[in-house]
């Protein structure tokens, strides 16, 4: 859990600036929630994405990964 949160904290600035669905989701969360809460939410989303990729043994598809954002 700690490593996921550290990774999310490191990725947050870059992802929040990106023009992707994930970036838009993060920007909307940052307006409504404290930064630390957003970091944990991002860590959770990244863990779920990684789990699905490993479970299905399929390549990463950005459109599908952020469709539920």
PDB file of N, CA and C in Angstrom:
ATOM      1  N   UNK A   1       0.831  -1.188   0.000  1.00  0.00           N
ATOM      2  CA  UNK A   1       0.000   0.000   0.000  1.00  0.00           C
ATOM      3  C   UNK A   1       0.874   1.250   0.000  1.00  0.00           C
ATOM      4  N   UNK A   2       1.898   1.251   0.816  1.00  0.00           N
ATOM      5  CA  UNK A   2       2.774   2.409   0.909  1.00  0.00           C
ATOM      6  C   UNK A   2       3.456   2.701  -0.417  1.00  0.00           C
ATOM      7  N   UNK A   3       3.931   1.662  -1.091  1.00  0.00           N
ATOM      8  CA  UNK A   3       4.609   1.870  -2.370  1.00  0.00           C
ATOM      9  C   UNK A   3       3.653   2.389  -3.432  1.00  0.00           C
ATOM     10  N   UNK A   4       2.418   1.915  -3.427  1.00  0.00           N
ATOM     11  CA  UNK A   4       1.426   2.429  -4.370  1.00  0.00           C
ATOM     12  C   UNK A   4       1.156   3.911  -4.122  1.00  0.00           C
ATOM     13  N   UNK A   5       1.080   4.293  -2.864  1.00  0.00           N
ATOM     14  CA  UNK A   5       0.822   5.695  -2.534  1.00  0.00           C
ATOM     15  C   UNK A   5       2.019   6.562  -2.898  1.00  0.00           C
ATOM     16  N   UNK A   6       3.232   6.083  -2.654  1.00  0.00           N
ATOM     17  CA  UNK A   6       4.419   6.847  -3.057  1.00  0.00           C
ATOM     18  C   UNK A   6       4.462   7.019  -4.569  1.00  0.00           C
ATOM     19  N   UNK A   7       4.146   5.966  -5.295  1.00  0.00           N
ATOM     20  CA  UNK A   7       4.115   6.058  -6.751  1.00  0.00           C
ATOM     21  C   UNK A   7       3.055   7.025  -7.240  1.00  0.00           C
ATOM     22  N   UNK A   8       1.890   6.986  -6.626  1.00  0.00           N
ATOM     23  CA  UNK A   8       0.814   7.904  -7.010  1.00  0.00           C
ATOM     24  C   UNK A   8       1.195   9.346  -6.699  1.00  0.00           C
ATOM     25  N   UNK A   9       1.859   9.555  -5.567  1.00  0.00           N
ATOM     26  CA  UNK A   9       2.284  10.908  -5.203  1.00  0.00           C
ATOM     27  C   UNK A   9       3.299  11.447  -6.216  1.00  0.00           C
ATOM     28  N   UNK A  10       4.168  10.581  -6.697  1.00  0.00           N
ATOM     29  CA  UNK A  10       5.163  11.002  -7.688  1.00  0.00           C
ATOM     30  C   UNK A  10       4.522  11.252  -9.050  1.00  0.00           C
ATOM     31  N   UNK A  11       3.498  10.477  -9.390  1.00  0.00           N
ATOM     32  CA  UNK A  11       2.866  10.586 -10.707  1.00  0.00           C
ATOM     33  C   UNK A  11       1.810  11.684 -10.771  1.00  0.00           C
ATOM     34  N   UNK A  12       1.293  12.111  -9.647  1.00  0.00           N
ATOM     35  CA  UNK A  12       0.178  13.061  -9.625  1.00  0.00           C
ATOM     36  C   UNK A  12       0.444  14.348 -10.402  1.00  0.00           C
ATOM     37  N   UNK A  13       1.557  15.045 -10.203  1.00  0.00           N
ATOM     38  CA  UNK A  13       1.745  16.303 -10.944  1.00  0.00           C
ATOM     39  C   UNK A  13       1.722  16.118 -12.460  1.00  0.00           C
ATOM     40  N   UNK A  14       2.381  15.095 -12.930  1.00  0.00           N
ATOM     41  CA  UNK A  14       2.423  14.839 -14.371  1.00  0.00           C
ATOM     42  C   UNK A  14       1.057  14.439 -14.906  1.00  0.00           C
ATOM     43  N   UNK A  15       0.394  13.537 -14.218  1.00  0.00           N
ATOM     44  CA  UNK A  15      -0.917  13.077 -14.680  1.00  0.00           C
ATOM     45  C   UNK A  15      -1.963  14.181 -14.610  1.00  0.00           C
ATOM     46  N   UNK A  16      -1.886  15.034 -13.598  1.00  0.00           N
ATOM     47  CA  UNK A  16      -2.868  16.113 -13.463  1.00  0.00           C
ATOM     48  C   UNK A  16      -2.733  17.136 -14.588  1.00  0.00           C
ATOM     49  N   UNK A  17      -1.545  17.271 -15.157  1.00  0.00           N
ATOM     50  CA  UNK A  17      -1.340  18.192 -16.286  1.00  0.00           C
ATOM     51  C   UNK A  17      -1.708  17.569 -17.621  1.00  0.00           C
ATOM     52  N   UNK A  18      -1.801  16.253 -17.671  1.00  0.00           N
ATOM     53  CA  UNK A  18      -2.038  15.579 -18.945  1.00  0.00           C
ATOM     54  C   UNK A  18      -3.466  15.810 -19.430  1.00  0.00           C
ATOM     55  N   UNK A  19      -3.624  15.798 -20.732  1.00  0.00           N
ATOM     56  CA  UNK A  19      -4.933  16.017 -21.354  1.00  0.00           C
ATOM     57  C   UNK A  19      -5.617  14.681 -21.639  1.00  0.00           C
ATOM     58  N   UNK A  20      -5.681  13.833 -20.645  1.00  0.00           N
ATOM     59  CA  UNK A  20      -6.315  12.522 -20.771  1.00  0.00           C
ATOM     60  C   UNK A  20      -7.543  12.483 -19.866  1.00  0.00           C
ATOM     61  N   UNK A  21      -8.319  11.425 -19.996  1.00  0.00           N
ATOM     62  CA  UNK A  21      -9.465  11.269 -19.101  1.00  0.00           C
ATOM     63  C   UNK A  21      -9.017  11.133 -17.649  1.00  0.00           C
ATOM     64  N   UNK A  22      -7.899  10.450 -17.441  1.00  0.00           N
ATOM     65  CA  UNK A  22      -7.367  10.312 -16.088  1.00  0.00           C
ATOM     66  C   UNK A  22      -6.939  11.673 -15.541  1.00  0.00           C
ATOM     67  N   UNK A  23      -6.315  12.494 -16.377  1.00  0.00           N
ATOM     68  CA  UNK A  23      -5.925  13.837 -15.956  1.00  0.00           C
ATOM     69  C   UNK A  23      -7.128  14.692 -15.600  1.00  0.00           C
ATOM     70  N   UNK A  24      -8.178  14.609 -16.403  1.00  0.00           N
ATOM     71  CA  UNK A  24      -9.401  15.368 -16.119  1.00  0.00           C
ATOM     72  C   UNK A  24     -10.033  14.905 -14.810  1.00  0.00           C
ATOM     73  N   UNK A  25     -10.032  13.593 -14.591  1.00  0.00           N
ATOM     74  CA  UNK A  25     -10.575  13.046 -13.347  1.00  0.00           C
ATOM     75  C   UNK A  25      -9.784  13.568 -12.145  1.00  0.00           C
ATOM     76  N   UNK A  26      -8.459  13.581 -12.269  1.00  0.00           N
ATOM     77  CA  UNK A  26      -7.621  14.064 -11.167  1.00  0.00           C
ATOM     78  C   UNK A  26      -7.845  15.547 -10.905  1.00  0.00           C
ATOM     79  N   UNK A  27      -7.920  16.347 -11.965  1.00  0.00           N
ATOM     80  CA  UNK A  27      -8.148  17.787 -11.782  1.00  0.00           C
ATOM     81  C   UNK A  27      -9.483  18.051 -11.085  1.00  0.00           C
ATOM     82  N   UNK A  28     -10.510  17.310 -11.455  1.00  0.00           N
ATOM     83  CA  UNK A  28     -11.811  17.519 -10.805  1.00  0.00           C
ATOM     84  C   UNK A  28     -11.759  17.099  -9.334  1.00  0.00           C
ATOM     85  N   UNK A  29     -11.026  16.037  -9.038  1.00  0.00           N
ATOM     86  CA  UNK A  29     -10.886  15.617  -7.641  1.00  0.00           C
ATOM     87  C   UNK A  29     -10.086  16.631  -6.828  1.00  0.00           C
ATOM     88  N   UNK A  30      -9.038  17.188  -7.431  1.00  0.00           N
ATOM     89  CA  UNK A  30      -8.201  18.151  -6.709  1.00  0.00           C
ATOM     90  C   UNK A  30      -8.977  19.407  -6.322  1.00  0.00           C
ATOM     91  N   UNK A  31      -9.983  19.752  -7.091  1.00  0.00           N
ATOM     92  CA  UNK A  31     -10.814  20.910  -6.757  1.00  0.00           C
ATOM     93  C   UNK A  31     -11.683  20.607  -5.540  1.00  0.00           C
ATOM     94  N   UNK A  32     -12.128  19.357  -5.426  1.00  0.00           N
ATOM     95  CA  UNK A  32     -13.100  18.994  -4.393  1.00  0.00           C
ATOM     96  C   UNK A  32     -12.499  18.388  -3.135  1.00  0.00           C
ATOM     97  N   UNK A  33     -11.321  17.784  -3.244  1.00  0.00           N
ATOM     98  CA  UNK A  33     -10.759  17.025  -2.126  1.00  0.00           C
ATOM     99  C   UNK A  33      -9.334  17.475  -1.797  1.00  0.00           C
ATOM    100  N   UNK A  34      -8.892  17.120  -0.610  1.00  0.00           N
ATOM    101  CA  UNK A  34      -7.522  17.403  -0.187  1.00  0.00           C
ATOM    102  C   UNK A  34      -6.553  16.577  -1.031  1.00  0.00           C
ATOM    103  N   UNK A  35      -5.361  17.126  -1.230  1.00  0.00           N
ATOM    104  CA  UNK A  35      -4.367  16.473  -2.094  1.00  0.00           C
ATOM    105  C   UNK A  35      -4.047  15.045  -1.642  1.00  0.00           C
ATOM    106  N   UNK A  36      -3.924  14.826  -0.340  1.00  0.00           N
ATOM    107  CA  UNK A  36      -3.597  13.481   0.146  1.00  0.00           C
ATOM    108  C   UNK A  36      -4.713  12.482  -0.157  1.00  0.00           C
ATOM    109  N   UNK A  37      -5.944  12.926  -0.104  1.00  0.00           N
ATOM    110  CA  UNK A  37      -7.072  12.058  -0.449  1.00  0.00           C
ATOM    111  C   UNK A  37      -7.021  11.689  -1.922  1.00  0.00           C
ATOM    112  N   UNK A  38      -6.655  12.659  -2.758  1.00  0.00           N
ATOM    113  CA  UNK A  38      -6.542  12.413  -4.200  1.00  0.00           C
ATOM    114  C   UNK A  38      -5.406  11.434  -4.480  1.00  0.00           C
ATOM    115  N   UNK A  39      -4.316  11.538  -3.746  1.00  0.00           N
ATOM    116  CA  UNK A  39      -3.192  10.614  -3.922  1.00  0.00           C
ATOM    117  C   UNK A  39      -3.637   9.180  -3.636  1.00  0.00           C
ATOM    118  N   UNK A  40      -4.376   8.982  -2.564  1.00  0.00           N
ATOM    119  CA  UNK A  40      -4.845   7.636  -2.221  1.00  0.00           C
ATOM    120  C   UNK A  40      -5.839   7.133  -3.272  1.00  0.00           C
ATOM    121  N   UNK A  41      -6.703   8.006  -3.761  1.00  0.00           N
ATOM    122  CA  UNK A  41      -7.654   7.610  -4.808  1.00  0.00           C
ATOM    123  C   UNK A  41      -6.915   7.215  -6.085  1.00  0.00           C
ATOM    124  N   UNK A  42      -5.872   7.959  -6.438  1.00  0.00           N
ATOM    125  CA  UNK A  42      -5.071   7.628  -7.618  1.00  0.00           C
ATOM    126  C   UNK A  42      -4.351   6.296  -7.419  1.00  0.00           C
ATOM    127  N   UNK A  43      -3.793   6.072  -6.238  1.00  0.00           N
ATOM    128  CA  UNK A  43      -3.123   4.796  -5.957  1.00  0.00           C
ATOM    129  C   UNK A  43      -4.108   3.640  -6.109  1.00  0.00           C
ATOM    130  N   UNK A  44      -5.317   3.825  -5.622  1.00  0.00           N
ATOM    131  CA  UNK A  44      -6.343   2.796  -5.744  1.00  0.00           C
ATOM    132  C   UNK A  44      -6.672   2.531  -7.212  1.00  0.00           C
ATOM    133  N   UNK A  45      -6.843   3.584  -7.999  1.00  0.00           N
ATOM    134  CA  UNK A  45      -7.176   3.423  -9.415  1.00  0.00           C
ATOM    135  C   UNK A  45      -6.030   2.736 -10.158  1.00  0.00           C
ATOM    136  N   UNK A  46      -4.788   3.118  -9.876  1.00  0.00           N
ATOM    137  CA  UNK A  46      -3.646   2.492 -10.542  1.00  0.00           C
ATOM    138  C   UNK A  46      -3.527   1.016 -10.159  1.00  0.00           C
ATOM    139  N   UNK A  47      -3.805   0.697  -8.897  1.00  0.00           N
ATOM    140  CA  UNK A  47      -3.766  -0.707  -8.464  1.00  0.00           C
ATOM    141  C   UNK A  47      -4.842  -1.519  -9.180  1.00  0.00           C
ATOM    142  N   UNK A  48      -6.019  -0.953  -9.344  1.00  0.00           N
ATOM    143  CA  UNK A  48      -7.102  -1.651 -10.042  1.00  0.00           C
ATOM    144  C   UNK A  48      -6.764  -1.859 -11.513  1.00  0.00           C
ATOM    145  N   UNK A  49      -6.170  -0.847 -12.139  1.00  0.00           N
ATOM    146  CA  UNK A  49      -5.762  -0.973 -13.542  1.00  0.00           C
ATOM    147  C   UNK A  49      -4.709  -2.070 -13.672  1.00  0.00           C
ATOM    148  N   UNK A  50      -3.712  -2.057 -12.782  1.00  0.00           N
ATOM    149  CA  UNK A  50      -2.651  -3.067 -12.833  1.00  0.00           C
ATOM    150  C   UNK A  50      -3.221  -4.468 -12.616  1.00  0.00           C
ATOM    151  N   UNK A  51      -4.163  -4.606 -11.693  1.00  0.00           N
ATOM    152  CA  UNK A  51      -4.765  -5.910 -11.426  1.00  0.00           C
ATOM    153  C   UNK A  51      -5.475  -6.449 -12.661  1.00  0.00           C
ATOM    154  N   UNK A  52      -6.237  -5.614 -13.336  1.00  0.00           N
ATOM    155  CA  UNK A  52      -6.973  -6.062 -14.526  1.00  0.00           C
ATOM    156  C   UNK A  52      -6.001  -6.470 -15.628  1.00  0.00           C
ATOM    157  N   UNK A  53      -4.940  -5.703 -15.809  1.00  0.00           N
ATOM    158  CA  UNK A  53      -3.952  -6.036 -16.837  1.00  0.00           C
ATOM    159  C   UNK A  53      -3.304  -7.386 -16.531  1.00  0.00           C
ATOM    160  N   UNK A  54      -2.924  -7.601 -15.287  1.00  0.00           N
ATOM    161  CA  UNK A  54      -2.299  -8.869 -14.903  1.00  0.00           C
ATOM    162  C   UNK A  54      -3.287 -10.026 -14.973  1.00  0.00           C
ATOM    163  N   UNK A  55      -4.495  -9.797 -14.551  1.00  0.00           N
ATOM    164  CA  UNK A  55      -5.505 -10.855 -14.513  1.00  0.00           C
ATOM    165  C   UNK A  55      -5.902 -11.313 -15.918  1.00  0.00           C
ATOM    166  N   UNK A  56      -6.079 -10.363 -16.825  1.00  0.00           N
ATOM    167  CA  UNK A  56      -6.509 -10.701 -18.184  1.00  0.00           C
ATOM    168  C   UNK A  56      -5.346 -11.044 -19.104  1.00  0.00           C
ATOM    169  N   UNK A  57      -4.127 -10.774 -18.645  1.00  0.00           N
ATOM    170  CA  UNK A  57      -2.931 -10.982 -19.467  1.00  0.00           C
ATOM    171  C   UNK A  57      -3.092 -10.295 -20.823  1.00  0.00           C
ATOM    172  N   UNK A  58      -3.558  -9.066 -20.766  1.00  0.00           N
ATOM    173  CA  UNK A  58      -3.808  -8.287 -21.976  1.00  0.00           C
ATOM    174  C   UNK A  58      -2.992  -7.002 -21.928  1.00  0.00           C
ATOM    175  N   UNK A  59      -2.691  -6.427 -23.085  1.00  0.00           N
ATOM    176  CA  UNK A  59      -1.959  -5.162 -23.095  1.00  0.00           C
ATOM    177  C   UNK A  59      -2.819  -4.022 -22.541  1.00  0.00           C
ATOM    178  N   UNK A  60      -2.147  -2.996 -22.073  1.00  0.00           N
ATOM    179  CA  UNK A  60      -2.829  -1.833 -21.509  1.00  0.00           C
ATOM    180  C   UNK A  60      -3.540  -1.052 -22.604  1.00  0.00           C
ATOM    181  N   UNK A  61      -4.798  -0.694 -22.366  1.00  0.00           N
ATOM    182  CA  UNK A  61      -5.576   0.130 -23.288  1.00  0.00           C
ATOM    183  C   UNK A  61      -6.040   1.362 -22.521  1.00  0.00           C
ATOM    184  N   UNK A  62      -5.451   2.521 -22.826  1.00  0.00           N
ATOM    185  CA  UNK A  62      -5.732   3.738 -22.067  1.00  0.00           C
ATOM    186  C   UNK A  62      -7.203   4.125 -22.112  1.00  0.00           C
ATOM    187  N   UNK A  63      -7.860   3.943 -23.238  1.00  0.00           N
ATOM    188  CA  UNK A  63      -9.270   4.323 -23.340  1.00  0.00           C
ATOM    189  C   UNK A  63     -10.144   3.505 -22.400  1.00  0.00           C
ATOM    190  N   UNK A  64      -9.872   2.227 -22.300  1.00  0.00           N
ATOM    191  CA  UNK A  64     -10.665   1.370 -21.407  1.00  0.00           C
ATOM    192  C   UNK A  64     -10.315   1.617 -19.947  1.00  0.00           C
ATOM    193  N   UNK A  65      -9.055   1.930 -19.677  1.00  0.00           N
ATOM    194  CA  UNK A  65      -8.611   2.100 -18.294  1.00  0.00           C
ATOM    195  C   UNK A  65      -9.256   3.307 -17.636  1.00  0.00           C
ATOM    196  N   UNK A  66      -9.515   4.352 -18.392  1.00  0.00           N
ATOM    197  CA  UNK A  66     -10.064   5.566 -17.805  1.00  0.00           C
ATOM    198  C   UNK A  66     -11.536   5.744 -18.111  1.00  0.00           C
ATOM    199  N   UNK A  67     -12.155   4.774 -18.740  1.00  0.00           N
ATOM    200  CA  UNK A  67     -13.569   4.905 -19.092  1.00  0.00           C
ATOM    201  C   UNK A  67     -14.451   5.005 -17.855  1.00  0.00           C
ATOM    202  N   UNK A  68     -14.002   4.451 -16.740  1.00  0.00           N
ATOM    203  CA  UNK A  68     -14.799   4.493 -15.517  1.00  0.00           C
ATOM    204  C   UNK A  68     -14.402   5.642 -14.609  1.00  0.00           C
ATOM    205  N   UNK A  69     -13.531   6.513 -15.072  1.00  0.00           N
ATOM    206  CA  UNK A  69     -13.038   7.618 -14.253  1.00  0.00           C
ATOM    207  C   UNK A  69     -14.058   8.626 -13.908  1.00  0.00           C
TER     208      UNK A  69
END
